[in-house]
Protein backbone atom coordinates (compact mmCIF):
# COMPACT_ATOMS: atom_id res chain seq x y z
CA MET A 1 -90.73 -9.27 -11.63
CA LYS A 2 -91.60 -9.15 -8.38
CA LYS A 3 -89.86 -6.61 -7.39
CA MET A 4 -90.49 -4.07 -10.27
CA THR A 5 -94.13 -5.10 -9.47
CA LEU A 6 -93.25 -3.84 -5.18
CA ALA A 7 -91.96 -0.93 -6.56
CA VAL A 8 -94.34 0.36 -9.36
CA SER A 9 -96.89 -0.08 -6.75
CA THR A 10 -94.74 1.92 -4.11
CA MET A 11 -93.78 4.82 -6.35
CA ALA A 12 -97.27 4.98 -7.02
CA ALA A 13 -98.41 5.34 -3.60
CA LEU A 14 -95.82 8.00 -2.79
CA ALA A 15 -97.07 9.72 -5.84
CA LEU A 16 -100.63 9.87 -5.35
CA THR A 17 -100.67 9.46 -1.53
CA PRO A 18 -100.39 13.26 1.00
CA THR A 19 -98.32 12.01 3.93
CA SER A 20 -102.01 13.27 6.54
CA ALA A 21 -103.49 10.47 4.24
CA LEU A 22 -102.11 7.90 6.12
CA ALA A 23 -102.80 5.56 9.36
CA TRP A 24 -100.82 7.71 11.98
CA ASN A 25 -99.02 9.81 9.10
CA TYR A 26 -95.78 8.62 7.93
CA GLN A 27 -93.59 10.11 10.89
CA GLY A 28 -96.29 8.65 13.62
CA HIS A 29 -95.19 5.22 13.07
CA ILE A 30 -91.51 6.59 12.88
CA THR A 31 -92.26 7.57 16.35
CA VAL A 32 -93.73 4.97 17.77
CA ALA A 33 -91.11 2.22 15.88
CA GLU A 34 -88.67 5.32 17.50
CA ILE A 35 -89.43 4.63 20.72
CA ALA A 36 -89.72 1.19 20.65
CA TYR A 37 -85.79 1.15 19.36
CA GLN A 38 -84.91 3.33 22.47
CA ASN A 39 -86.25 0.57 24.72
CA LEU A 40 -84.66 -2.42 23.31
CA GLN A 41 -82.04 -4.52 25.11
CA PRO A 42 -78.85 -3.89 23.45
CA ALA A 43 -78.16 -8.10 22.57
CA VAL A 44 -81.80 -7.34 20.58
CA LYS A 45 -81.12 -4.39 19.33
CA VAL A 46 -78.08 -5.96 17.26
CA GLN A 47 -80.59 -8.94 16.04
CA VAL A 48 -83.28 -6.12 14.77
CA ASP A 49 -80.55 -3.81 13.17
CA GLU A 50 -79.94 -6.88 10.99
CA LEU A 51 -83.39 -7.90 10.04
CA ALA A 52 -84.14 -4.14 9.45
CA ARG A 53 -81.18 -3.93 7.03
CA LYS A 54 -82.35 -6.87 4.70
CA ALA A 55 -86.06 -5.11 4.45
CA TYR A 56 -83.93 -1.85 4.23
CA GLN A 57 -81.98 -3.33 1.22
CA SER A 58 -84.93 -5.02 -0.83
CA MET A 59 -87.02 -1.78 -0.72
CA PRO A 60 -87.65 0.18 -4.12
CA HIS A 61 -84.87 3.28 -4.26
CA ASP A 62 -87.43 5.17 -4.11
CA VAL A 63 -88.94 4.17 -1.46
CA GLN A 64 -85.66 3.88 0.44
CA LYS A 65 -85.55 7.89 -0.21
CA LYS A 66 -88.34 8.51 1.37
CA MET A 67 -87.47 6.31 4.31
CA ASP A 68 -83.80 8.01 4.58
CA SER A 69 -85.73 12.14 4.46
CA PHE A 70 -86.75 11.48 8.58
CA GLU A 71 -84.18 12.82 10.39
CA GLY A 72 -82.98 10.83 13.46
CA ALA A 73 -84.68 8.16 13.15
CA SER A 74 -83.42 4.43 13.15
CA GLN A 75 -83.49 2.22 10.43
CA PHE A 76 -85.47 -0.28 12.04
CA ALA A 77 -87.64 2.82 12.83
CA LYS A 78 -88.46 3.89 9.32
CA MET A 79 -89.53 0.59 7.83
CA ALA A 80 -92.32 1.35 9.70
CA MET A 81 -94.16 3.40 7.11
CA VAL A 82 -93.91 0.90 4.58
CA PRO A 83 -96.66 -1.19 4.96
CA ASP A 84 -98.96 1.90 3.96
CA LEU A 85 -96.70 1.93 0.08
CA ILE A 86 -97.90 -1.57 -0.29
CA ARG A 87 -101.50 -2.06 0.99
CA LYS A 88 -102.08 -3.51 -2.63
CA THR A 89 -99.37 -5.75 -2.75
CA PRO A 90 -100.30 -9.08 -2.13
CA ALA A 91 -99.07 -10.26 1.42
CA GLU A 92 -96.81 -12.97 -0.31
CA GLN A 93 -95.22 -10.87 -2.40
CA VAL A 94 -93.32 -8.93 -0.15
CA TRP A 95 -92.40 -11.46 1.97
CA GLN A 96 -90.62 -13.09 -0.94
CA GLN A 97 -89.21 -9.64 -1.67
CA MET A 98 -87.15 -10.43 0.97
CA GLY A 99 -85.96 -13.91 0.47
CA GLU A 100 -88.54 -14.76 2.96
CA THR A 101 -91.59 -16.81 3.09
CA ILE A 102 -94.75 -15.90 4.25
CA PRO A 103 -96.25 -17.13 7.84
CA ALA A 104 -99.20 -19.49 6.64
CA THR A 105 -101.51 -18.42 9.38
CA LEU A 106 -101.05 -14.84 7.26
CA ASN A 107 -101.92 -16.58 3.97
CA GLN A 108 -104.97 -18.23 4.91
CA TRP A 109 -107.57 -15.64 3.22
CA ASP A 110 -109.19 -15.23 0.18
CA GLU A 111 -108.13 -11.54 0.59
CA LYS A 112 -104.23 -11.64 -0.33
CA GLU A 113 -103.64 -7.93 -0.27
CA THR A 114 -102.85 -6.02 3.15
CA GLY A 115 -104.97 -3.60 3.52
CA ALA A 116 -107.12 -4.65 5.64
CA TRP A 117 -104.51 -5.70 8.30
CA HIS A 118 -104.83 -1.99 9.44
CA TYR A 119 -107.58 -1.90 11.37
CA ILE A 120 -110.71 -3.70 12.56
CA ASN A 121 -114.07 -1.99 12.16
CA GLN A 122 -116.07 -2.60 15.85
CA THR A 123 -119.35 -1.49 15.36
CA TYR A 124 -119.47 2.31 17.48
CA PRO A 125 -122.08 2.51 19.38
CA ALA A 126 -122.02 -0.79 21.12
CA SER A 127 -125.56 -1.38 21.92
CA SER A 128 -125.96 -0.63 17.49
CA GLN A 129 -126.92 -3.87 15.68
CA CYS A 130 -124.33 -3.72 12.45
CA ASP A 131 -121.79 -5.42 12.04
CA PHE A 132 -118.68 -4.02 10.49
CA VAL A 133 -115.93 -6.86 11.19
CA HIS A 134 -114.72 -9.06 9.05
CA THR A 135 -111.41 -11.08 8.23
CA PRO A 136 -108.37 -10.45 7.51
CA ASN A 137 -107.99 -7.90 10.78
CA ILE A 138 -105.46 -5.96 12.76
CA LYS A 139 -106.51 -8.72 15.76
CA LEU A 140 -106.05 -11.78 13.91
CA VAL A 141 -103.25 -10.08 11.82
CA ALA A 142 -100.98 -9.16 15.16
CA GLY A 143 -101.81 -12.04 16.86
CA TYR A 144 -100.43 -14.33 13.71
CA LEU A 145 -97.16 -11.87 13.79
CA TYR A 146 -96.19 -11.98 16.97
CA GLU A 147 -96.77 -15.58 17.51
CA ASP A 148 -94.59 -16.67 14.82
CA PHE A 149 -92.06 -13.92 15.11
CA LYS A 150 -91.20 -15.86 18.57
CA HIS A 151 -90.22 -19.17 16.79
CA ASN A 152 -89.21 -17.36 13.11
CA PRO A 153 -88.09 -14.14 13.38
CA GLN A 154 -88.24 -12.37 9.26
CA ALA A 155 -87.39 -8.72 8.54
CA ALA A 156 -91.41 -8.52 6.84
CA SER A 157 -92.56 -9.50 9.88
CA LEU A 158 -90.87 -7.11 11.83
CA MET A 159 -91.84 -4.52 9.22
CA PHE A 160 -95.80 -5.43 9.89
CA MET A 161 -95.08 -6.05 13.56
CA SER A 162 -93.74 -2.41 14.00
CA HIS A 163 -96.46 -0.92 12.10
CA VAL A 164 -99.66 -2.46 13.13
CA ALA A 165 -98.49 -1.91 16.73
CA GLY A 166 -98.71 1.65 16.12
CA ASP A 167 -102.10 1.54 14.19
CA SER A 168 -104.09 -0.64 16.83
CA HIS A 169 -103.41 2.32 19.21
CA GLN A 170 -104.97 4.87 17.04
CA PRO A 171 -108.56 4.71 18.14
CA MET A 172 -109.79 5.34 14.45
CA HIS A 173 -108.91 2.37 13.82
CA SER A 174 -110.67 0.47 15.78
CA ILE A 175 -113.95 1.95 15.36
CA SER A 176 -116.97 2.03 12.56
CA GLN A 177 -120.26 4.05 13.16
CA SER A 178 -123.36 3.96 10.93
CA LEU A 179 -123.75 6.46 8.42
CA SER A 180 -127.49 5.72 8.57
CA THR A 181 -130.14 4.85 10.96
CA ALA A 182 -131.58 2.80 8.75
CA GLU A 183 -129.45 1.09 7.16
CA CYS A 184 -125.99 -0.24 8.15
CA VAL A 185 -123.43 1.98 6.21
CA THR A 186 -120.29 2.37 7.10
CA ASP A 187 -118.10 5.40 8.07
CA LEU A 188 -114.79 3.47 7.36
CA GLY A 189 -113.52 4.27 10.79
CA ALA A 190 -114.46 7.96 10.72
CA ASN A 191 -113.24 8.22 7.17
CA LYS A 192 -116.69 9.78 6.02
CA HIS A 193 -116.69 11.68 9.02
CA THR A 194 -116.05 15.27 7.24
CA LEU A 195 -114.66 18.08 9.61
CA ASP A 196 -113.76 21.53 8.97
CA VAL A 197 -110.39 20.98 9.08
CA PRO A 198 -107.37 20.84 6.89
CA GLN A 199 -107.27 17.01 6.99
CA LYS A 200 -110.69 16.81 5.92
CA ASP A 201 -112.14 14.82 7.78
CA LEU A 202 -112.60 12.95 11.32
CA HIS A 203 -110.08 9.53 10.58
CA HIS A 204 -107.31 11.67 8.77
CA LEU A 205 -107.71 14.25 11.51
CA TRP A 206 -106.46 11.19 14.19
CA ASP A 207 -103.94 10.26 11.69
CA SER A 208 -102.23 13.54 11.68
CA GLY A 209 -102.16 13.78 15.29
CA MET A 210 -104.45 16.95 15.93
CA GLY A 211 -102.18 17.68 12.82
CA MET A 212 -99.00 17.52 15.66
CA LEU A 213 -97.69 15.19 13.22
CA ASP A 214 -97.96 16.79 10.18
CA LYS A 215 -94.92 19.01 11.33
CA ALA A 216 -91.27 17.86 10.98
CA HIS A 217 -89.53 16.43 13.81
CA ASN A 218 -86.19 15.67 14.28
CA ILE A 219 -87.06 12.20 15.35
CA HIS A 220 -84.87 10.49 18.07
CA ASP A 221 -85.20 13.91 19.79
CA PHE A 222 -89.23 13.55 19.30
CA ALA A 223 -89.38 10.19 20.74
CA ALA A 224 -86.97 10.82 23.88
CA LEU A 225 -89.41 14.22 24.62
CA LEU A 226 -92.38 11.83 24.59
CA GLN A 227 -90.87 9.20 26.75
CA GLN A 228 -90.05 12.00 29.22
CA ASP A 229 -93.31 13.41 29.29
CA PHE A 230 -95.22 9.96 29.69
CA PRO A 231 -91.94 7.43 31.56
CA LYS A 232 -92.89 3.89 31.16
CA SER A 233 -92.71 3.39 34.79
CA ASN A 234 -95.90 5.35 34.62
CA MET A 235 -97.65 4.00 32.42
CA GLU A 236 -100.06 0.34 32.50
CA LEU A 237 -98.78 -1.27 29.64
CA GLY A 238 -100.22 -4.44 30.05
CA PRO A 239 -99.19 -8.18 29.49
CA VAL A 240 -97.21 -8.46 26.25
CA ALA A 241 -98.24 -8.46 22.69
CA ASP A 242 -102.27 -8.28 24.82
CA VAL A 243 -103.38 -6.88 20.99
CA ASP A 244 -107.41 -7.16 22.40
CA LEU A 245 -106.12 -4.79 25.82
CA TRP A 246 -104.50 -2.24 23.10
CA ILE A 247 -108.12 -2.72 20.61
CA LYS A 248 -110.37 -2.06 23.30
CA GLU A 249 -108.16 0.93 24.99
CA SER A 250 -108.71 2.82 20.97
CA TYR A 251 -112.06 1.75 20.97
CA ALA A 252 -112.99 3.04 24.30
CA LEU A 253 -111.88 6.62 22.95
CA ALA A 254 -114.77 6.71 20.63
CA ASP A 255 -116.97 8.79 22.46
CA PHE A 256 -114.63 11.34 22.58
CA GLY A 257 -113.40 10.84 19.69
CA TYR A 258 -116.84 11.16 17.64
CA SER A 259 -117.66 14.42 19.67
CA VAL A 260 -116.94 16.55 17.35
CA GLU A 261 -119.75 17.05 15.01
CA LYS A 262 -119.79 16.01 11.30
CA ASN A 263 -118.83 19.28 9.00
CA THR A 264 -118.15 21.49 12.00
CA ALA A 265 -114.34 22.67 13.26
CA PRO A 266 -113.12 21.17 16.77
CA SER A 267 -112.94 23.35 19.58
CA GLN A 268 -109.51 24.20 21.01
CA ALA A 269 -110.70 22.32 24.21
CA TYR A 270 -110.96 19.03 21.44
CA TYR A 271 -107.01 19.62 20.12
CA GLN A 272 -105.80 20.34 23.14
CA LYS A 273 -107.26 16.66 24.76
CA GLY A 274 -106.95 14.86 21.51
CA THR A 275 -103.09 15.80 21.05
CA GLU A 276 -102.39 15.02 24.45
CA LEU A 277 -104.16 11.18 24.18
CA VAL A 278 -101.56 11.08 20.70
CA LYS A 279 -99.14 11.49 22.38
CA GLN A 280 -100.05 9.03 25.31
CA ARG A 281 -101.17 6.26 22.67
CA LEU A 282 -98.05 6.97 20.00
CA THR A 283 -95.56 6.15 23.41
CA GLN A 284 -97.74 3.26 24.42
CA ALA A 285 -97.43 1.94 21.35
CA GLY A 286 -93.41 2.32 21.03
CA TYR A 287 -93.05 0.75 24.48
CA ARG A 288 -95.65 -2.07 23.68
CA LEU A 289 -93.50 -2.89 20.60
CA ALA A 290 -90.46 -2.83 22.32
CA ASP A 291 -92.11 -5.25 25.25
CA GLU A 292 -92.73 -7.55 21.96
CA LEU A 293 -89.33 -7.49 20.16
CA ASN A 294 -87.53 -8.09 24.17
CA THR A 295 -89.98 -11.28 24.57
CA ALA A 296 -89.44 -12.20 21.60
CA PHE A 297 -85.78 -12.67 20.72
CA GLY A 298 -85.71 -14.22 24.75
CA THR A 299 -87.79 -16.97 23.59
CA HIS A 300 -84.81 -18.77 21.21
């Protein structure tokens, strides 16, 4: 019965949700995870492959088919897209689907669905008196996932770790502006900051990587190219699993992100700078996810 429920929820998401309407779209999340995969230590890669295979085998056929449609990606990388399909599924059920037990820290909230795990609505600008942050949120979830995974590596935890590492590097998943100066009404991470673009709003413009991630790529080659453009040795990555840092970096991009006025089309300069920032954030996320996994598997 549980598998049928998960199958129904994921099939509905596949049918109703366009690729560009997802946090870093499917391709973006898979790219982050593929960069991580290409930076795993050989022994760690073996263990990751085993968990990824377990996760894949638990998926409904329609999800497996969608995962298989991405060229050049490892099975581990492909599973990074799945959390966007199961936002309405109770978290505990996801772990049960894989024959696992959800960490207690991730099952402590009244809100049992995982949609809120993907973002933290920190108010922009910082001088605002509004407070849109609630629990659960990506900052708490990412930390709990990593701490548990170090001692109890599970397929479902790995799947969510690979996903939230990407989301924490998407600026619009760390920011929310009030729609009104008279009262606090969140724009839902710029989902309501409408623009004259195919993606309809600022949030989805960034999800699509300024349109770059709406185009089909060979994921393996695209991940390799990003690493060539942004070598790990040239990047400031900070301490392992420092989610606070990742979110602060995303929030620091708010001034640029919101610099395009509502109901207008971004300038060519905005697209150019935004695309470079997206490439950088995708690559950073991949390197940092690899560091998390290499470190976690080295602790046991």
